[in-house]
Structure formats: structure tokens, C-alpha cells
Amino acid sequence: MVNETIPSLRPRVIGEVVSGTKKFSKWMYYRLPNGWISPAPAHPLEQAKRVERGQKPLKQYGQFEYDPFEIDANGQRWNVRDEPYRMIFQKGGETEFPVDQVIAFRWHLRPPYQEATFPQLEGVFWETYECPDCEQAVFTSLSKGYAPQDMISHLRLGHGWSRAEVAEYAREVGISFKRARKTHEPAPVEVKTLEAERSEKFRCECGWAPLKDAKRPDVSLRWHKKNCEVAPAGGVPKEE
């Protein structure tokens, strides 16, 4: 059943449709670097600036005035400020929206228009939790465990729930607080160690010896013997 509270892309208008007389700047839709779709000014200079910043103009969905009395693709009055995405939906652009934007706008729970569908959501996992104390707070995540954690933080900070109350509510509704973690087991790597060559001429009585390529092996041995409990003091041969 279609939810009558959700607006339609083809609303029934009573009376004559009259466009506004005041001219506003032209706008259009852009794809942002993160993939999200956003309306913004369509002036050529503005387009050039946005292209430099990695945004892509979606010219196939046309331009429109940022006007509360604009006319949409069906010739009906359109308040762009209240429904900035109506034009792209009317022209079949709902598949342009990435999954994370659909989730962030909660369109997976309540589509912006009766005719809107999002095939990009097919096969995508998400979980949604609604706050039991208020209707406004809805928490959705594309990874298991994050949405309930956000809701619990909201209950604790926003509504003053105690840990015991949260735990009892979680048991009643069957909430799991375990977050999904991606684990990767690296392949075992064989580590080969090579015994560095030592200078036998400057080997200490304890068995230690400086590296063969040391610049001053005699100095290295002298410093070693100061702290060595086996070797007697002195007796360090000079470097030839």
C-alpha cells in the first residue's frame, strides 16, 4: 500500500499553475567526489570551479531556478527549497544516488516520493534501530553492530538511561552489541637471520666482538669492557 503521506512526483494541483515572476539563479545537480548527489549553482564559472574540485555536472537532468515557485518536469509548481531533488527523480535519476547517501537520508525507510525505487539497495546489508523513547532518532549502519552502539549512546546521553536499563532493553529486543570486524590473517613469512661478521681481533673474553666493518673496533671494545663483568679492565689492542 502506498503511503499517502509520502509526496508524489505527479501531484494533483487544484487551480492554475503560475510560475514566479522573480528570477533566481540557475541550479543543477552534481556528483561530488564522494559519490553523493547535490544541487548547486549552474553558472559556467561555478561549473568550472566545481569540476576543478573533482565534481561532475549531471547535465542530463537539466537546470532549474532556485525558486519557491519553479515549474517541475511535469509542468507543476515546485518549491525547490523544500524538495531540491524532485527534478532528478522525475527524470529517472534515483539510481544515481550511492547506497550510503540513500541510507544517510533514510530513504531506505521512507522514500522521498511514492514512485521512487532504489535498485542499488538490492543485496546490501544494513541494520536499523529506532529509539524507544523518541520518534526522531533512527540509527542505521551498513556494518553490523554499529547502529545499536549509536542508539545506546543516544539512550545513555540523550535520555539518561542507566547501564542496567540499557542491558535489560537489549535482552528484551535481542540487540547484539558485537560489531562486525574484518579480519585478515597474513600468510606466515619465513624470517631468515644472518649472523653478522665480527672482528675476532677485538673479541672480548665474554665472547662479544664489534662488527667487522666498525670504524673504530678498538673504541667499541673499550666501551664494552667498561660494563662487562667478565673481561678485565684495559687490555684493549690498538687498531692497526
Protein backbone atom coordinates (compact mmCIF):
# COMPACT_ATOMS: atom_id res chain seq x y z
CA MET A 1 0.00 0.00 0.00
CA VAL A 2 1.31 3.44 -0.97
CA ASN A 3 1.86 5.73 1.98
CA GLU A 4 -0.31 8.76 1.31
CA THR A 5 1.95 10.92 3.50
CA ILE A 6 4.80 10.48 1.03
CA PRO A 7 4.67 13.10 -1.73
CA SER A 8 4.21 12.15 -5.35
CA LEU A 9 6.23 13.14 -8.39
CA ARG A 10 2.92 13.84 -10.12
CA PRO A 11 0.92 15.78 -7.53
CA ARG A 12 -2.66 16.82 -8.20
CA VAL A 13 -2.84 20.60 -8.43
CA ILE A 14 -6.09 22.48 -7.97
CA GLY A 15 -6.29 25.74 -9.86
CA GLU A 16 -3.97 27.40 -12.34
CA VAL A 17 -0.22 26.86 -12.07
CA VAL A 18 1.54 30.21 -12.10
CA SER A 19 5.31 30.48 -12.07
CA GLY A 20 7.10 33.09 -10.02
CA THR A 21 7.93 36.42 -11.58
CA LYS A 22 11.23 36.90 -9.74
CA LYS A 23 14.24 35.38 -11.47
CA PHE A 24 16.62 33.25 -9.41
CA SER A 25 19.98 31.77 -10.28
CA LYS A 26 20.06 28.56 -12.27
CA TRP A 27 20.97 25.38 -10.44
CA MET A 28 21.79 21.82 -11.49
CA TYR A 29 22.90 18.51 -10.00
CA TYR A 30 26.50 17.48 -9.38
CA ARG A 31 28.18 14.27 -8.35
CA LEU A 32 30.57 15.06 -5.51
CA PRO A 33 33.97 13.36 -5.14
CA ASN A 34 32.49 11.01 -2.52
CA GLY A 35 29.78 9.94 -5.00
CA TRP A 36 26.92 11.84 -3.39
CA ILE A 37 24.50 13.88 -5.50
CA SER A 38 23.98 17.52 -4.59
CA PRO A 39 22.24 20.53 -6.22
CA ALA A 40 24.36 23.64 -6.67
CA PRO A 41 24.58 26.76 -8.89
CA ALA A 42 24.90 26.04 -12.61
CA HIS A 43 26.70 29.20 -13.79
CA PRO A 44 29.53 28.28 -16.20
CA LEU A 45 32.17 29.78 -13.90
CA GLU A 46 30.71 27.86 -10.96
CA GLN A 47 30.72 24.67 -13.01
CA ALA A 48 34.38 25.18 -13.89
CA LYS A 49 35.32 25.69 -10.24
CA ARG A 50 33.45 22.58 -9.18
CA VAL A 51 34.97 20.47 -11.94
CA GLU A 52 38.42 21.52 -10.70
CA ARG A 53 37.42 20.27 -7.25
CA GLY A 54 36.52 16.86 -8.67
CA GLN A 55 32.76 17.33 -9.02
CA LYS A 56 30.89 16.10 -12.08
CA PRO A 57 27.98 18.12 -13.53
CA LEU A 58 24.98 15.91 -14.31
CA LYS A 59 23.73 17.90 -17.27
CA GLN A 60 21.28 15.20 -18.38
CA TYR A 61 18.91 16.23 -15.57
CA GLY A 62 18.64 19.83 -16.71
CA GLN A 63 18.75 23.13 -14.86
CA PHE A 64 16.22 24.86 -12.68
CA GLU A 65 15.81 28.09 -10.79
CA TYR A 66 16.26 28.04 -7.06
CA ASP A 67 12.77 29.41 -6.75
CA PRO A 68 9.90 28.51 -4.40
CA PHE A 69 7.62 28.87 -7.45
CA GLU A 70 9.62 26.91 -10.05
CA ILE A 71 7.89 24.61 -12.55
CA ASP A 72 8.98 20.97 -12.49
CA ALA A 73 9.42 18.48 -15.34
CA ASN A 74 5.67 17.71 -15.31
CA GLY A 75 4.64 21.36 -15.50
CA GLN A 76 3.62 21.53 -11.86
CA ARG A 77 4.54 24.10 -9.25
CA TRP A 78 7.72 23.14 -7.41
CA ASN A 79 9.26 24.63 -4.28
CA VAL A 80 12.92 23.80 -4.93
CA ARG A 81 13.93 24.83 -1.43
CA ASP A 82 11.69 22.19 0.12
CA GLU A 83 12.24 19.46 -2.50
CA PRO A 84 15.67 20.01 -4.07
CA TYR A 85 15.80 16.52 -5.61
CA ARG A 86 12.40 16.39 -7.30
CA MET A 87 13.73 17.06 -10.80
CA ILE A 88 16.32 14.27 -10.77
CA PHE A 89 13.71 11.80 -9.53
CA GLN A 90 11.22 12.91 -12.18
CA LYS A 91 13.83 12.22 -14.87
CA GLY A 92 14.64 8.73 -13.59
CA GLY A 93 17.85 9.53 -11.73
CA GLU A 94 17.22 7.64 -8.50
CA THR A 95 19.94 5.14 -9.39
CA GLU A 96 22.49 7.98 -9.35
CA PHE A 97 22.42 8.12 -5.55
CA PRO A 98 25.04 5.93 -3.84
CA VAL A 99 23.93 3.50 -1.17
CA ASP A 100 25.46 5.45 1.71
CA GLN A 101 23.59 8.61 0.69
CA VAL A 102 20.29 6.71 0.47
CA ILE A 103 20.94 5.33 3.95
CA ALA A 104 22.04 8.70 5.36
CA PHE A 105 18.87 10.38 4.05
CA ARG A 106 16.78 7.44 5.41
CA TRP A 107 15.26 6.92 2.00
CA HIS A 108 15.59 3.15 2.55
CA LEU A 109 12.95 3.54 5.28
CA ARG A 110 10.80 6.26 3.76
CA PRO A 111 11.41 7.10 0.09
CA PRO A 112 11.15 10.78 -0.79
CA TYR A 113 8.44 10.05 -3.37
CA GLN A 114 5.86 7.33 -3.86
CA GLU A 115 7.28 6.40 -7.25
CA ALA A 116 10.92 6.28 -6.10
CA THR A 117 12.71 2.94 -6.02
CA PHE A 118 16.35 2.17 -5.28
CA PRO A 119 17.54 -0.99 -7.02
CA GLN A 120 21.07 -0.24 -5.78
CA LEU A 121 19.93 -1.40 -2.34
CA GLU A 122 19.29 -4.96 -3.52
CA GLY A 123 21.65 -7.36 -1.79
CA VAL A 124 23.04 -4.66 0.51
CA PHE A 125 23.14 -5.39 4.23
CA TRP A 126 22.03 -2.74 6.68
CA GLU A 127 20.52 -2.72 10.14
CA THR A 128 18.26 -0.03 11.58
CA TYR A 129 17.25 0.70 15.16
CA GLU A 130 14.69 3.25 16.31
CA CYS A 131 14.96 4.94 19.68
CA PRO A 132 12.26 3.59 22.04
CA ASP A 133 11.95 6.98 23.77
CA CYS A 134 11.64 9.35 20.80
CA GLU A 135 10.49 9.15 17.18
CA GLN A 136 13.16 11.36 15.67
CA ALA A 137 16.22 9.20 16.41
CA VAL A 138 16.79 6.42 13.88
CA PHE A 139 20.17 4.72 13.62
CA THR A 140 21.25 2.81 10.52
CA SER A 141 24.57 1.26 9.64
CA LEU A 142 25.92 -0.72 6.72
CA SER A 143 28.12 -2.71 9.14
CA LYS A 144 26.69 -4.99 11.78
CA GLY A 145 26.85 -3.72 15.35
CA TYR A 146 27.41 -0.01 14.76
CA ALA A 147 23.75 1.08 14.69
CA PRO A 148 22.90 -0.40 18.11
CA GLN A 149 26.04 1.13 19.59
CA ASP A 150 24.98 4.55 18.32
CA MET A 151 21.49 4.05 19.69
CA ILE A 152 22.80 3.01 23.11
CA SER A 153 24.98 6.14 23.24
CA HIS A 154 21.86 8.15 22.39
CA LEU A 155 19.86 6.46 25.17
CA ARG A 156 22.62 6.99 27.71
CA LEU A 157 23.42 10.62 26.84
CA GLY A 158 20.10 11.85 25.46
CA HIS A 159 17.66 10.11 27.76
CA GLY A 160 19.77 9.31 30.82
CA TRP A 161 19.34 5.55 30.72
CA SER A 162 21.47 3.57 33.14
CA ARG A 163 23.68 0.67 32.06
CA ALA A 164 21.25 -1.75 33.71
CA GLU A 165 18.30 -0.29 31.79
CA VAL A 166 20.23 -0.50 28.53
CA ALA A 167 21.21 -4.11 29.19
CA GLU A 168 17.63 -5.07 30.07
CA TYR A 169 16.26 -3.40 26.91
CA ALA A 170 18.90 -5.13 24.79
CA ARG A 171 17.88 -8.52 26.18
CA GLU A 172 14.18 -7.82 25.56
CA VAL A 173 14.58 -6.87 21.89
CA GLY A 174 17.54 -9.12 21.14
CA ILE A 175 20.12 -6.47 20.32
CA SER A 176 23.70 -7.60 19.80
CA PHE A 177 26.44 -5.10 20.52
CA LYS A 178 29.11 -7.06 18.71
CA ARG A 179 30.50 -5.01 15.86
CA ALA A 180 31.43 -6.63 12.59
CA ARG A 181 35.18 -6.65 12.17
CA LYS A 182 37.06 -7.51 9.02
CA THR A 183 39.97 -9.72 9.90
CA HIS A 184 42.87 -10.67 7.74
CA GLU A 185 45.30 -13.45 8.55
CA PRO A 186 48.57 -12.68 6.78
CA ALA A 187 50.48 -15.59 5.33
CA PRO A 188 53.36 -16.73 7.51
CA VAL A 189 56.63 -15.22 6.44
CA GLU A 190 59.86 -17.10 6.87
CA VAL A 191 62.34 -14.81 8.54
CA LYS A 192 65.96 -15.53 7.84
CA THR A 193 68.59 -14.08 10.10
CA LEU A 194 72.21 -13.81 9.11
CA GLU A 195 74.97 -13.75 11.68
CA ALA A 196 76.88 -10.52 11.18
CA GLU A 197 80.63 -10.89 10.77
CA ARG A 198 82.56 -9.93 13.86
CA SER A 199 86.13 -8.76 14.37
CA GLU A 200 87.99 -11.66 16.01
CA LYS A 201 90.96 -9.45 16.85
CA PHE A 202 88.80 -7.31 19.15
CA ARG A 203 86.71 -10.10 20.71
CA CYS A 204 86.09 -9.74 24.43
CA GLU A 205 86.64 -12.55 26.95
CA CYS A 206 82.85 -12.77 27.33
CA GLY A 207 82.50 -13.64 23.65
CA TRP A 208 81.24 -10.28 22.39
CA ALA A 209 83.00 -8.68 19.44
CA PRO A 210 82.37 -5.49 17.42
CA LEU A 211 81.25 -5.69 13.85
CA LYS A 212 83.99 -6.41 11.38
CA ASP A 213 83.22 -3.24 9.41
CA ALA A 214 83.12 -0.99 12.51
CA LYS A 215 85.11 2.22 12.01
CA ARG A 216 86.81 2.03 15.42
CA PRO A 217 86.52 -1.53 16.77
CA ASP A 218 89.05 -0.78 19.50
CA VAL A 219 86.87 2.04 20.84
CA SER A 220 83.77 -0.19 20.66
CA LEU A 221 85.56 -2.88 22.66
CA ARG A 222 86.80 -0.37 25.22
CA TRP A 223 83.27 0.90 25.84
CA HIS A 224 82.02 -2.65 26.05
CA LYS A 225 84.58 -3.67 28.67
CA LYS A 226 83.59 -0.80 30.94
CA ASN A 227 80.32 -2.58 31.57
CA CYS A 228 81.44 -6.16 31.00
CA GLU A 229 81.51 -8.30 34.17
CA VAL A 230 83.76 -10.96 32.62
CA ALA A 231 86.56 -9.06 30.92
CA PRO A 232 89.27 -7.32 32.99
CA ALA A 233 89.70 -3.57 32.56
CA GLY A 234 92.13 -2.45 29.90
CA GLY A 235 93.97 -4.81 27.64
CA VAL A 236 92.31 -3.46 24.51
CA PRO A 237 94.52 -3.96 21.46
CA LYS A 238 95.09 -0.95 19.24
CA GLU A 239 93.67 -0.83 15.79
CA GLU A 240 96.35 -1.17 13.13
